[in-house]
Amino acid sequence: NQHVWRGAYDLKGLQGDMAYNALAGAEILLRYLNDVAEDQKAKPGDLARVTYAVYNSGPGAQARLRGNATPAGLRRVVGAFAEKYHAVLGGHELAVEECYGET
């Protein structure tokens, strides 16, 4: 998200350079994973689920997930990822195909 990360990454690189954008995304994902790991003290599956939700919902999502009143949209993101995560763990990698729309 160029608005969230505008001070940390080059906006032109994020918009026009796929490799730069991918590296920035990987750095951000790792940062969230480390933050969630410290915060959650949870199993790997929970770490993956919460990290995905925070990555896709923005930096404030981690605090919202900690609270008792997690917004419905954020709960849906976490639930949708959990379904796909468990499908892949169960050997059904192609179950995530729906993420890519109609083929």
Protein backbone atom coordinates (compact mmCIF):
# COMPACT_ATOMS: atom_id res chain seq x y z
CA ASN A 1 0.00 0.00 0.00
CA GLN A 2 1.76 3.10 -1.23
CA HIS A 3 -0.06 5.33 1.25
CA VAL A 4 0.96 3.31 4.28
CA TRP A 5 4.56 2.73 3.22
CA ARG A 6 5.27 6.01 1.40
CA GLY A 7 8.08 7.00 3.78
CA ALA A 8 9.79 3.62 3.78
CA TYR A 9 9.81 2.68 0.08
CA ASP A 10 10.28 4.45 -3.24
CA LEU A 11 6.78 5.03 -4.68
CA LYS A 12 7.98 4.84 -8.28
CA GLY A 13 9.66 1.54 -7.51
CA LEU A 14 6.50 0.19 -5.90
CA GLN A 15 4.42 1.22 -8.91
CA GLY A 16 6.74 0.39 -11.79
CA ASP A 17 9.26 -2.25 -10.77
CA MET A 18 7.85 -5.72 -10.07
CA ALA A 19 11.04 -6.99 -8.44
CA TYR A 20 11.28 -3.96 -6.14
CA ASN A 21 7.59 -4.27 -5.28
CA ALA A 22 7.94 -8.00 -4.54
CA LEU A 23 10.96 -7.42 -2.31
CA ALA A 24 9.16 -4.64 -0.45
CA GLY A 25 6.14 -6.91 0.01
CA ALA A 26 8.34 -9.72 1.31
CA GLU A 27 10.04 -7.36 3.79
CA ILE A 28 6.69 -6.10 5.03
CA LEU A 29 5.32 -9.64 5.33
CA LEU A 30 8.38 -10.72 7.34
CA ARG A 31 8.02 -7.69 9.59
CA TYR A 32 4.37 -8.55 10.26
CA LEU A 33 5.22 -12.22 10.83
CA ASN A 34 7.81 -11.26 13.44
CA ASP A 35 5.41 -8.80 15.10
CA VAL A 36 2.59 -11.35 15.17
CA ALA A 37 4.92 -14.08 16.47
CA GLU A 38 5.92 -11.89 19.40
CA ASP A 39 2.35 -10.83 20.04
CA GLN A 40 0.53 -14.11 19.57
CA LYS A 41 2.87 -16.82 20.93
CA ALA A 42 0.82 -19.10 18.70
CA LYS A 43 1.11 -22.21 16.52
CA PRO A 44 2.49 -21.83 12.96
CA GLY A 45 -0.98 -22.09 11.42
CA ASP A 46 -2.25 -19.29 13.62
CA LEU A 47 0.82 -17.21 12.78
CA ALA A 48 0.22 -17.67 9.06
CA ARG A 49 -3.48 -16.82 9.40
CA VAL A 50 -3.01 -13.68 11.49
CA THR A 51 0.01 -12.49 9.48
CA TYR A 52 -1.99 -12.81 6.25
CA ALA A 53 -4.87 -10.84 7.74
CA VAL A 54 -2.58 -8.07 8.97
CA TYR A 55 -0.70 -7.93 5.65
CA ASN A 56 -3.94 -7.60 3.67
CA SER A 57 -5.78 -5.34 6.09
CA GLY A 58 -3.04 -2.91 7.08
CA PRO A 59 -0.92 -2.14 10.11
CA GLY A 60 -3.88 -1.38 12.38
CA ALA A 61 -5.34 -4.85 11.86
CA GLN A 62 -3.07 -6.47 14.44
CA ALA A 63 -4.50 -4.29 17.20
CA ARG A 64 -8.05 -4.92 15.94
CA LEU A 65 -7.43 -8.68 15.99
CA ARG A 66 -6.28 -8.46 19.61
CA GLY A 67 -9.50 -6.79 20.70
CA ASN A 68 -12.78 -8.43 21.58
CA ALA A 69 -14.65 -6.62 18.82
CA THR A 70 -12.78 -7.71 15.67
CA PRO A 71 -14.65 -6.21 12.68
CA ALA A 72 -16.66 -8.68 10.58
CA GLY A 73 -14.65 -7.94 7.43
CA LEU A 74 -11.39 -8.75 9.16
CA ARG A 75 -12.88 -11.97 10.57
CA ARG A 76 -13.87 -12.94 7.00
CA VAL A 77 -10.30 -12.36 5.76
CA VAL A 78 -8.91 -14.54 8.55
CA GLY A 79 -11.53 -17.24 7.94
CA ALA A 80 -11.04 -17.32 4.16
CA PHE A 81 -7.29 -17.67 4.55
CA ALA A 82 -7.73 -20.39 7.19
CA GLU A 83 -9.87 -22.45 4.79
CA LYS A 84 -7.24 -22.25 2.06
CA TYR A 85 -4.36 -22.84 4.47
CA HIS A 86 -5.96 -26.03 5.79
CA ALA A 87 -6.79 -27.20 2.26
CA VAL A 88 -3.13 -26.87 1.25
CA LEU A 89 -1.99 -28.59 4.45
CA GLY A 90 -4.35 -31.43 3.57
CA GLY A 91 -2.73 -31.88 0.16
CA HIS A 92 -5.35 -29.98 -1.85
CA GLU A 93 -3.16 -27.21 -3.25
CA LEU A 94 -5.49 -26.56 -6.17
CA ALA A 95 -8.28 -25.61 -3.76
CA VAL A 96 -6.88 -22.09 -3.79
CA GLU A 97 -7.61 -21.78 -7.51
CA GLU A 98 -10.78 -19.80 -6.74
CA CYS A 99 -8.56 -16.97 -5.50
CA TYR A 100 -7.58 -16.28 -9.09
CA GLY A 101 -11.10 -15.90 -10.45
CA GLU A 102 -12.53 -17.85 -13.34
CA THR A 103 -10.08 -19.86 -15.39
